[in-house]
All heavy atoms as atom14 arrays in JSON, in Angstrom:
{
  "sequence": "GECDQYLHKDCIVPVDQFSNMIYSNNWIPINSRKHPHRLIRV",
  "atom14_mask": [
    [1, 1, 1, 1, 0, 0, 0, 0, 0, 0, 0, 0, 0, 0],
    [1, 1, 1, 1, 1, 1, 1, 1, 1, 0, 0, 0, 0, 0],
    [1, 1, 1, 1, 1, 1, 0, 0, 0, 0, 0, 0, 0, 0],
    [1, 1, 1, 1, 1, 1, 1, 1, 0, 0, 0, 0, 0, 0],
    [1, 1, 1, 1, 1, 1, 1, 1, 1, 0, 0, 0, 0, 0],
    [1, 1, 1, 1, 1, 1, 1, 1, 1, 1, 1, 1, 0, 0],
    [1, 1, 1, 1, 1, 1, 1, 1, 0, 0, 0, 0, 0, 0],
    [1, 1, 1, 1, 1, 1, 1, 1, 1, 1, 0, 0, 0, 0],
    [1, 1, 1, 1, 1, 1, 1, 1, 1, 0, 0, 0, 0, 0],
    [1, 1, 1, 1, 1, 1, 1, 1, 0, 0, 0, 0, 0, 0],
    [1, 1, 1, 1, 1, 1, 0, 0, 0, 0, 0, 0, 0, 0],
    [1, 1, 1, 1, 1, 1, 1, 1, 0, 0, 0, 0, 0, 0],
    [1, 1, 1, 1, 1, 1, 1, 0, 0, 0, 0, 0, 0, 0],
    [1, 1, 1, 1, 1, 1, 1, 0, 0, 0, 0, 0, 0, 0],
    [1, 1, 1, 1, 1, 1, 1, 0, 0, 0, 0, 0, 0, 0],
    [1, 1, 1, 1, 1, 1, 1, 1, 0, 0, 0, 0, 0, 0],
    [1, 1, 1, 1, 1, 1, 1, 1, 1, 0, 0, 0, 0, 0],
    [1, 1, 1, 1, 1, 1, 1, 1, 1, 1, 1, 0, 0, 0],
    [1, 1, 1, 1, 1, 1, 0, 0, 0, 0, 0, 0, 0, 0],
    [1, 1, 1, 1, 1, 1, 1, 1, 0, 0, 0, 0, 0, 0],
    [1, 1, 1, 1, 1, 1, 1, 1, 0, 0, 0, 0, 0, 0],
    [1, 1, 1, 1, 1, 1, 1, 1, 0, 0, 0, 0, 0, 0],
    [1, 1, 1, 1, 1, 1, 1, 1, 1, 1, 1, 1, 0, 0],
    [1, 1, 1, 1, 1, 1, 0, 0, 0, 0, 0, 0, 0, 0],
    [1, 1, 1, 1, 1, 1, 1, 1, 0, 0, 0, 0, 0, 0],
    [1, 1, 1, 1, 1, 1, 1, 1, 0, 0, 0, 0, 0, 0],
    [1, 1, 1, 1, 1, 1, 1, 1, 1, 1, 1, 1, 1, 1],
    [1, 1, 1, 1, 1, 1, 1, 1, 0, 0, 0, 0, 0, 0],
    [1, 1, 1, 1, 1, 1, 1, 0, 0, 0, 0, 0, 0, 0],
    [1, 1, 1, 1, 1, 1, 1, 1, 0, 0, 0, 0, 0, 0],
    [1, 1, 1, 1, 1, 1, 1, 1, 0, 0, 0, 0, 0, 0],
    [1, 1, 1, 1, 1, 1, 0, 0, 0, 0, 0, 0, 0, 0],
    [1, 1, 1, 1, 1, 1, 1, 1, 1, 1, 1, 0, 0, 0],
    [1, 1, 1, 1, 1, 1, 1, 1, 1, 0, 0, 0, 0, 0],
    [1, 1, 1, 1, 1, 1, 1, 1, 1, 1, 0, 0, 0, 0],
    [1, 1, 1, 1, 1, 1, 1, 0, 0, 0, 0, 0, 0, 0],
    [1, 1, 1, 1, 1, 1, 1, 1, 1, 1, 0, 0, 0, 0],
    [1, 1, 1, 1, 1, 1, 1, 1, 1, 1, 1, 0, 0, 0],
    [1, 1, 1, 1, 1, 1, 1, 1, 0, 0, 0, 0, 0, 0],
    [1, 1, 1, 1, 1, 1, 1, 1, 0, 0, 0, 0, 0, 0],
    [1, 1, 1, 1, 1, 1, 1, 1, 1, 1, 1, 0, 0, 0],
    [1, 1, 1, 1, 1, 1, 1, 0, 0, 0, 0, 0, 0, 0]
  ],
  "atom14_positions": [
    [[113.0, 98.77, 84.27], [113.33, 99.03, 85.66], [112.18, 98.74, 86.61], [112.4, 98.38, 87.78], [0.0, 0.0, 0.0], [0.0, 0.0, 0.0], [0.0, 0.0, 0.0], [0.0, 0.0, 0.0], [0.0, 0.0, 0.0], [0.0, 0.0, 0.0], [0.0, 0.0, 0.0], [0.0, 0.0, 0.0], [0.0, 0.0, 0.0], [0.0, 0.0, 0.0]],
    [[110.94, 98.87, 86.12], [109.78, 98.62, 86.98], [109.67, 97.14, 87.35], [109.39, 96.79, 88.5], [108.51, 99.07, 86.26], [108.45, 100.56, 85.97], [108.2, 101.38, 87.21], [107.66, 100.83, 88.19], [108.54, 102.59, 87.22], [0.0, 0.0, 0.0], [0.0, 0.0, 0.0], [0.0, 0.0, 0.0], [0.0, 0.0, 0.0], [0.0, 0.0, 0.0]],
    [[109.86, 96.27, 86.37], [109.69, 94.82, 86.59], [111.01, 94.07, 86.67], [111.01, 92.86, 86.88], [108.84, 94.22, 85.46], [107.25, 95.04, 85.21], [0.0, 0.0, 0.0], [0.0, 0.0, 0.0], [0.0, 0.0, 0.0], [0.0, 0.0, 0.0], [0.0, 0.0, 0.0], [0.0, 0.0, 0.0], [0.0, 0.0, 0.0], [0.0, 0.0, 0.0]],
    [[112.12, 94.78, 86.49], [113.45, 94.18, 86.51], [113.54, 93.01, 85.52], [113.97, 91.91, 85.86], [113.8, 93.7, 87.93], [115.31, 93.45, 88.08], [116.08, 94.07, 87.31], [115.71, 92.65, 88.93], [0.0, 0.0, 0.0], [0.0, 0.0, 0.0], [0.0, 0.0, 0.0], [0.0, 0.0, 0.0], [0.0, 0.0, 0.0], [0.0, 0.0, 0.0]],
    [[113.13, 93.27, 84.27], [113.2, 92.27, 83.22], [114.19, 92.73, 82.14], [114.36, 93.93, 81.91], [111.82, 92.02, 82.6], [110.83, 91.42, 83.57], [109.59, 90.89, 82.86], [109.39, 89.69, 82.73], [108.76, 91.8, 82.38], [0.0, 0.0, 0.0], [0.0, 0.0, 0.0], [0.0, 0.0, 0.0], [0.0, 0.0, 0.0], [0.0, 0.0, 0.0]],
    [[114.83, 91.75, 81.5], [115.87, 92.03, 80.52], [115.5, 91.43, 79.16], [114.82, 90.4, 79.08], [117.21, 91.45, 80.97], [117.74, 92.04, 82.25], [117.33, 91.54, 83.49], [118.64, 93.09, 82.23], [117.81, 92.08, 84.67], [119.13, 93.64, 83.4], [118.72, 93.13, 84.62], [119.19, 93.67, 85.78], [0.0, 0.0, 0.0], [0.0, 0.0, 0.0]],
    [[115.98, 92.09, 78.11], [115.83, 91.59, 76.74], [117.13, 91.8, 75.99], [117.73, 92.89, 76.06], [114.7, 92.32, 76.0], [113.27, 92.16, 76.5], [112.34, 93.03, 75.68], [112.83, 90.71, 76.44], [0.0, 0.0, 0.0], [0.0, 0.0, 0.0], [0.0, 0.0, 0.0], [0.0, 0.0, 0.0], [0.0, 0.0, 0.0], [0.0, 0.0, 0.0]],
    [[117.61, 90.76, 75.29], [118.71, 90.97, 74.36], [118.26, 91.93, 73.27], [117.11, 91.84, 72.8], [119.14, 89.64, 73.7], [119.81, 88.7, 74.64], [119.45, 87.37, 74.74], [120.83, 88.89, 75.53], [120.23, 86.78, 75.64], [121.06, 87.68, 76.13], [0.0, 0.0, 0.0], [0.0, 0.0, 0.0], [0.0, 0.0, 0.0], [0.0, 0.0, 0.0]],
    [[119.11, 92.82, 72.84], [118.71, 93.75, 71.78], [118.45, 93.01, 70.48], [117.59, 93.42, 69.69], [119.77, 94.83, 71.59], [121.09, 94.36, 71.03], [122.02, 95.52, 70.78], [123.31, 95.05, 70.11], [123.06, 94.46, 68.78], [0.0, 0.0, 0.0], [0.0, 0.0, 0.0], [0.0, 0.0, 0.0], [0.0, 0.0, 0.0], [0.0, 0.0, 0.0]],
    [[119.17, 91.9, 70.24], [118.93, 91.13, 69.02], [117.64, 90.33, 69.08], [117.12, 89.91, 68.05], [120.11, 90.18, 68.75], [121.37, 90.94, 68.38], [121.24, 92.06, 67.86], [122.48, 90.41, 68.59], [0.0, 0.0, 0.0], [0.0, 0.0, 0.0], [0.0, 0.0, 0.0], [0.0, 0.0, 0.0], [0.0, 0.0, 0.0], [0.0, 0.0, 0.0]],
    [[117.11, 90.11, 70.29], [115.84, 89.4, 70.42], [114.66, 90.34, 70.21], [113.67, 89.98, 69.58], [115.75, 88.73, 71.79], [116.91, 87.35, 72.01], [0.0, 0.0, 0.0], [0.0, 0.0, 0.0], [0.0, 0.0, 0.0], [0.0, 0.0, 0.0], [0.0, 0.0, 0.0], [0.0, 0.0, 0.0], [0.0, 0.0, 0.0], [0.0, 0.0, 0.0]],
    [[114.75, 91.54, 70.76], [113.65, 92.48, 70.65], [113.72, 93.28, 69.35], [112.71, 93.69, 68.79], [113.63, 93.44, 71.87], [112.36, 94.3, 71.86], [114.86, 94.29, 71.91], [111.09, 93.54, 72.04], [0.0, 0.0, 0.0], [0.0, 0.0, 0.0], [0.0, 0.0, 0.0], [0.0, 0.0, 0.0], [0.0, 0.0, 0.0], [0.0, 0.0, 0.0]],
    [[114.94, 93.5, 68.84], [115.12, 94.18, 67.55], [115.99, 93.26, 66.68], [117.17, 93.5, 66.47], [115.8, 95.55, 67.72], [115.78, 96.33, 66.4], [115.11, 96.37, 68.81], [0.0, 0.0, 0.0], [0.0, 0.0, 0.0], [0.0, 0.0, 0.0], [0.0, 0.0, 0.0], [0.0, 0.0, 0.0], [0.0, 0.0, 0.0], [0.0, 0.0, 0.0]],
    [[115.42, 92.16, 66.18], [116.22, 91.17, 65.43], [116.75, 91.74, 64.13], [116.14, 92.61, 63.51], [115.22, 90.03, 65.18], [113.88, 90.68, 65.24], [114.0, 91.78, 66.25], [0.0, 0.0, 0.0], [0.0, 0.0, 0.0], [0.0, 0.0, 0.0], [0.0, 0.0, 0.0], [0.0, 0.0, 0.0], [0.0, 0.0, 0.0], [0.0, 0.0, 0.0]],
    [[117.9, 91.22, 63.73], [118.54, 91.64, 62.48], [118.21, 90.62, 61.4], [118.57, 89.45, 61.51], [120.07, 91.75, 62.67], [120.73, 92.11, 61.33], [120.4, 92.8, 63.72], [0.0, 0.0, 0.0], [0.0, 0.0, 0.0], [0.0, 0.0, 0.0], [0.0, 0.0, 0.0], [0.0, 0.0, 0.0], [0.0, 0.0, 0.0], [0.0, 0.0, 0.0]],
    [[117.51, 91.07, 60.37], [117.21, 90.23, 59.22], [118.14, 90.65, 58.1], [118.06, 91.77, 57.59], [115.75, 90.41, 58.8], [115.38, 89.54, 57.61], [116.25, 88.79, 57.13], [114.22, 89.63, 57.15], [0.0, 0.0, 0.0], [0.0, 0.0, 0.0], [0.0, 0.0, 0.0], [0.0, 0.0, 0.0], [0.0, 0.0, 0.0], [0.0, 0.0, 0.0]],
    [[119.05, 89.77, 57.72], [120.07, 90.1, 56.72], [119.45, 90.44, 55.37], [120.07, 91.09, 54.54], [121.05, 88.94, 56.57], [122.36, 89.34, 55.91], [123.36, 88.21, 55.92], [123.02, 87.07, 56.21], [124.61, 88.51, 55.58], [0.0, 0.0, 0.0], [0.0, 0.0, 0.0], [0.0, 0.0, 0.0], [0.0, 0.0, 0.0], [0.0, 0.0, 0.0]],
    [[118.2, 90.02, 55.15], [117.54, 90.25, 53.87], [116.33, 91.17, 53.99], [115.45, 91.17, 53.14], [117.12, 88.91, 53.26], [118.25, 87.93, 53.14], [118.43, 86.93, 54.08], [119.17, 88.03, 52.11], [119.49, 86.04, 53.99], [120.23, 87.15, 52.01], [120.39, 86.15, 52.95], [0.0, 0.0, 0.0], [0.0, 0.0, 0.0], [0.0, 0.0, 0.0]],
    [[116.32, 91.99, 55.06], [115.18, 92.87, 55.29], [115.06, 93.96, 54.24], [113.97, 94.53, 54.05], [115.29, 93.5, 56.68], [116.5, 94.24, 56.8], [0.0, 0.0, 0.0], [0.0, 0.0, 0.0], [0.0, 0.0, 0.0], [0.0, 0.0, 0.0], [0.0, 0.0, 0.0], [0.0, 0.0, 0.0], [0.0, 0.0, 0.0], [0.0, 0.0, 0.0]],
    [[116.13, 94.28, 53.55], [116.09, 95.32, 52.52], [115.78, 94.78, 51.13], [115.75, 95.54, 50.16], [117.42, 96.08, 52.48], [117.65, 96.89, 53.73], [116.71, 97.25, 54.43], [118.9, 97.17, 54.04], [0.0, 0.0, 0.0], [0.0, 0.0, 0.0], [0.0, 0.0, 0.0], [0.0, 0.0, 0.0], [0.0, 0.0, 0.0], [0.0, 0.0, 0.0]],
    [[115.57, 93.47, 51.03], [115.22, 92.9, 49.75], [113.76, 93.19, 49.44], [112.88, 92.96, 50.28], [115.45, 91.39, 49.76], [116.91, 90.98, 49.83], [117.83, 91.38, 48.34], [116.95, 90.44, 47.12], [0.0, 0.0, 0.0], [0.0, 0.0, 0.0], [0.0, 0.0, 0.0], [0.0, 0.0, 0.0], [0.0, 0.0, 0.0], [0.0, 0.0, 0.0]],
    [[113.48, 93.7, 48.25], [112.12, 94.0, 47.82], [111.76, 93.06, 46.67], [112.42, 93.07, 45.63], [111.98, 95.47, 47.36], [112.39, 96.41, 48.51], [110.57, 95.76, 46.92], [111.52, 96.3, 49.74], [0.0, 0.0, 0.0], [0.0, 0.0, 0.0], [0.0, 0.0, 0.0], [0.0, 0.0, 0.0], [0.0, 0.0, 0.0], [0.0, 0.0, 0.0]],
    [[110.73, 92.26, 46.89], [110.27, 91.31, 45.87], [109.0, 91.87, 45.23], [107.9, 91.73, 45.75], [109.98, 89.94, 46.5], [111.18, 89.31, 47.14], [111.45, 89.52, 48.48], [112.05, 88.52, 46.4], [112.57, 88.94, 49.09], [113.16, 87.93, 46.99], [113.4, 88.15, 48.33], [114.5, 87.58, 48.93], [0.0, 0.0, 0.0], [0.0, 0.0, 0.0]],
    [[109.15, 92.56, 44.11], [107.99, 93.13, 43.43], [107.3, 92.06, 42.6], [107.8, 90.96, 42.42], [108.42, 94.31, 42.56], [109.41, 93.9, 41.64], [0.0, 0.0, 0.0], [0.0, 0.0, 0.0], [0.0, 0.0, 0.0], [0.0, 0.0, 0.0], [0.0, 0.0, 0.0], [0.0, 0.0, 0.0], [0.0, 0.0, 0.0], [0.0, 0.0, 0.0]],
    [[106.14, 92.42, 42.05], [105.31, 91.44, 41.35], [106.01, 90.8, 40.16], [105.78, 89.64, 39.84], [104.02, 92.11, 40.88], [102.98, 92.15, 41.99], [103.26, 91.71, 43.1], [101.81, 92.68, 41.69], [0.0, 0.0, 0.0], [0.0, 0.0, 0.0], [0.0, 0.0, 0.0], [0.0, 0.0, 0.0], [0.0, 0.0, 0.0], [0.0, 0.0, 0.0]],
    [[106.86, 91.57, 39.48], [107.51, 91.01, 38.3], [108.59, 89.99, 38.67], [109.16, 89.36, 37.8], [108.11, 92.11, 37.44], [109.11, 92.95, 38.21], [108.92, 93.21, 39.38], [110.16, 93.4, 37.53], [0.0, 0.0, 0.0], [0.0, 0.0, 0.0], [0.0, 0.0, 0.0], [0.0, 0.0, 0.0], [0.0, 0.0, 0.0], [0.0, 0.0, 0.0]],
    [[108.87, 89.82, 39.98], [109.86, 88.82, 40.39], [109.21, 87.48, 40.76], [109.85, 86.45, 40.73], [110.66, 89.34, 41.59], [111.76, 90.24, 41.19], [111.91, 90.88, 39.99], [112.88, 90.63, 41.97], [113.03, 91.65, 39.98], [113.66, 91.52, 41.19], [113.31, 90.32, 43.25], [114.83, 92.08, 41.64], [114.48, 90.89, 43.71], [115.23, 91.77, 42.91]],
    [[107.94, 87.46, 41.14], [107.18, 86.25, 41.5], [107.95, 85.4, 42.52], [108.49, 84.34, 42.17], [106.82, 85.4, 40.26], [106.33, 86.3, 39.12], [105.77, 84.36, 40.61], [106.06, 85.54, 37.84], [0.0, 0.0, 0.0], [0.0, 0.0, 0.0], [0.0, 0.0, 0.0], [0.0, 0.0, 0.0], [0.0, 0.0, 0.0], [0.0, 0.0, 0.0]],
    [[108.07, 85.84, 43.77], [108.83, 85.06, 44.74], [108.08, 83.81, 45.18], [106.86, 83.77, 45.25], [108.99, 86.04, 45.91], [107.8, 86.94, 45.8], [107.5, 87.07, 44.34], [0.0, 0.0, 0.0], [0.0, 0.0, 0.0], [0.0, 0.0, 0.0], [0.0, 0.0, 0.0], [0.0, 0.0, 0.0], [0.0, 0.0, 0.0], [0.0, 0.0, 0.0]],
    [[108.82, 82.76, 45.48], [108.25, 81.53, 46.03], [109.14, 81.08, 47.19], [110.28, 81.51, 47.32], [108.15, 80.4, 44.98], [109.56, 79.93, 44.58], [107.35, 80.84, 43.77], [109.54, 78.64, 43.79], [0.0, 0.0, 0.0], [0.0, 0.0, 0.0], [0.0, 0.0, 0.0], [0.0, 0.0, 0.0], [0.0, 0.0, 0.0], [0.0, 0.0, 0.0]],
    [[108.61, 80.17, 48.0], [109.37, 79.59, 49.11], [109.72, 78.14, 48.77], [108.96, 77.44, 48.13], [108.55, 79.64, 50.4], [108.3, 81.07, 50.85], [109.21, 81.88, 50.82], [107.08, 81.35, 51.28], [0.0, 0.0, 0.0], [0.0, 0.0, 0.0], [0.0, 0.0, 0.0], [0.0, 0.0, 0.0], [0.0, 0.0, 0.0], [0.0, 0.0, 0.0]],
    [[110.92, 77.74, 49.21], [111.37, 76.38, 48.97], [111.94, 75.79, 50.25], [112.62, 76.48, 51.01], [112.44, 76.36, 47.87], [113.05, 75.08, 47.77], [0.0, 0.0, 0.0], [0.0, 0.0, 0.0], [0.0, 0.0, 0.0], [0.0, 0.0, 0.0], [0.0, 0.0, 0.0], [0.0, 0.0, 0.0], [0.0, 0.0, 0.0], [0.0, 0.0, 0.0]],
    [[111.68, 74.51, 50.48], [112.24, 73.84, 51.66], [113.73, 73.59, 51.51], [114.41, 73.28, 52.48], [111.51, 72.51, 51.89], [110.03, 72.65, 52.25], [109.47, 71.3, 52.72], [109.59, 70.27, 51.71], [108.69, 70.04, 50.76], [107.58, 70.77, 50.7], [108.86, 69.07, 49.87], [0.0, 0.0, 0.0], [0.0, 0.0, 0.0], [0.0, 0.0, 0.0]],
    [[114.24, 73.71, 50.29], [115.65, 73.44, 50.02], [116.53, 74.66, 50.26], [117.76, 74.56, 50.19], [115.83, 72.94, 48.59], [115.08, 71.64, 48.28], [115.59, 70.52, 49.17], [114.85, 69.22, 48.89], [115.32, 68.13, 49.78], [0.0, 0.0, 0.0], [0.0, 0.0, 0.0], [0.0, 0.0, 0.0], [0.0, 0.0, 0.0], [0.0, 0.0, 0.0]],
    [[115.9, 75.82, 50.49], [116.69, 77.04, 50.67], [115.96, 77.97, 51.64], [114.73, 78.09, 51.56], [116.91, 77.73, 49.32], [117.95, 78.82, 49.38], [119.29, 78.57, 49.56], [117.83, 80.16, 49.29], [119.95, 79.71, 49.56], [119.09, 80.7, 49.4], [0.0, 0.0, 0.0], [0.0, 0.0, 0.0], [0.0, 0.0, 0.0], [0.0, 0.0, 0.0]],
    [[116.68, 78.63, 52.55], [116.0, 79.45, 53.57], [115.44, 80.76, 53.06], [114.64, 81.39, 53.75], [117.12, 79.69, 54.6], [118.39, 79.6, 53.82], [118.14, 78.55, 52.77], [0.0, 0.0, 0.0], [0.0, 0.0, 0.0], [0.0, 0.0, 0.0], [0.0, 0.0, 0.0], [0.0, 0.0, 0.0], [0.0, 0.0, 0.0], [0.0, 0.0, 0.0]],
    [[115.84, 81.23, 51.87], [115.39, 82.52, 51.36], [114.38, 82.35, 50.24], [114.26, 81.28, 49.64], [116.59, 83.35, 50.87], [117.71, 83.41, 51.84], [119.04, 83.31, 51.47], [117.71, 83.54, 53.18], [119.8, 83.38, 52.53], [119.02, 83.52, 53.59], [0.0, 0.0, 0.0], [0.0, 0.0, 0.0], [0.0, 0.0, 0.0], [0.0, 0.0, 0.0]],
    [[113.69, 83.43, 49.93], [112.71, 83.4, 48.85], [113.42, 83.36, 47.5], [114.46, 83.99, 47.31], [111.81, 84.63, 48.95], [111.09, 84.75, 50.29], [110.29, 86.03, 50.37], [109.01, 85.9, 49.69], [108.15, 86.91, 49.53], [108.47, 88.11, 49.98], [107.0, 86.72, 48.93], [0.0, 0.0, 0.0], [0.0, 0.0, 0.0], [0.0, 0.0, 0.0]],
    [[112.82, 82.64, 46.56], [113.36, 82.5, 45.21], [112.47, 83.26, 44.25], [111.24, 83.33, 44.4], [113.44, 81.03, 44.8], [114.16, 80.08, 45.76], [114.11, 78.66, 45.2], [115.59, 80.52, 45.99], [0.0, 0.0, 0.0], [0.0, 0.0, 0.0], [0.0, 0.0, 0.0], [0.0, 0.0, 0.0], [0.0, 0.0, 0.0], [0.0, 0.0, 0.0]],
    [[113.08, 83.85, 43.23], [112.33, 84.61, 42.24], [112.46, 83.96, 40.87], [113.45, 83.28, 40.56], [112.81, 86.08, 42.17], [114.28, 86.14, 41.76], [112.61, 86.79, 43.49], [114.79, 87.52, 41.49], [0.0, 0.0, 0.0], [0.0, 0.0, 0.0], [0.0, 0.0, 0.0], [0.0, 0.0, 0.0], [0.0, 0.0, 0.0], [0.0, 0.0, 0.0]],
    [[111.46, 84.17, 40.04], [111.46, 83.63, 38.69], [112.34, 84.48, 37.8], [112.19, 85.7, 37.73], [110.04, 83.62, 38.15], [109.88, 83.02, 36.75], [110.09, 81.52, 36.78], [109.81, 80.91, 35.48], [110.02, 79.65, 35.2], [110.5, 78.83, 36.14], [109.74, 79.16, 34.02], [0.0, 0.0, 0.0], [0.0, 0.0, 0.0], [0.0, 0.0, 0.0]],
    [[113.3, 83.84, 37.08], [114.2, 84.56, 36.18], [114.21, 83.85, 34.84], [113.75, 82.71, 34.7], [115.63, 84.65, 36.77], [115.65, 85.49, 38.02], [116.18, 83.27, 37.06], [0.0, 0.0, 0.0], [0.0, 0.0, 0.0], [0.0, 0.0, 0.0], [0.0, 0.0, 0.0], [0.0, 0.0, 0.0], [0.0, 0.0, 0.0], [0.0, 0.0, 0.0]]
  ]
}
């Protein structure tokens, strides 16, 4: 209200669909250009 500026709630508090994923050491995550998410060794 002081500066009359606006923010989308999804811009200031973005939703990450994979924010609850936990990659522990025994999973050994890596990044790949072929896929947007982290990959784990299985």
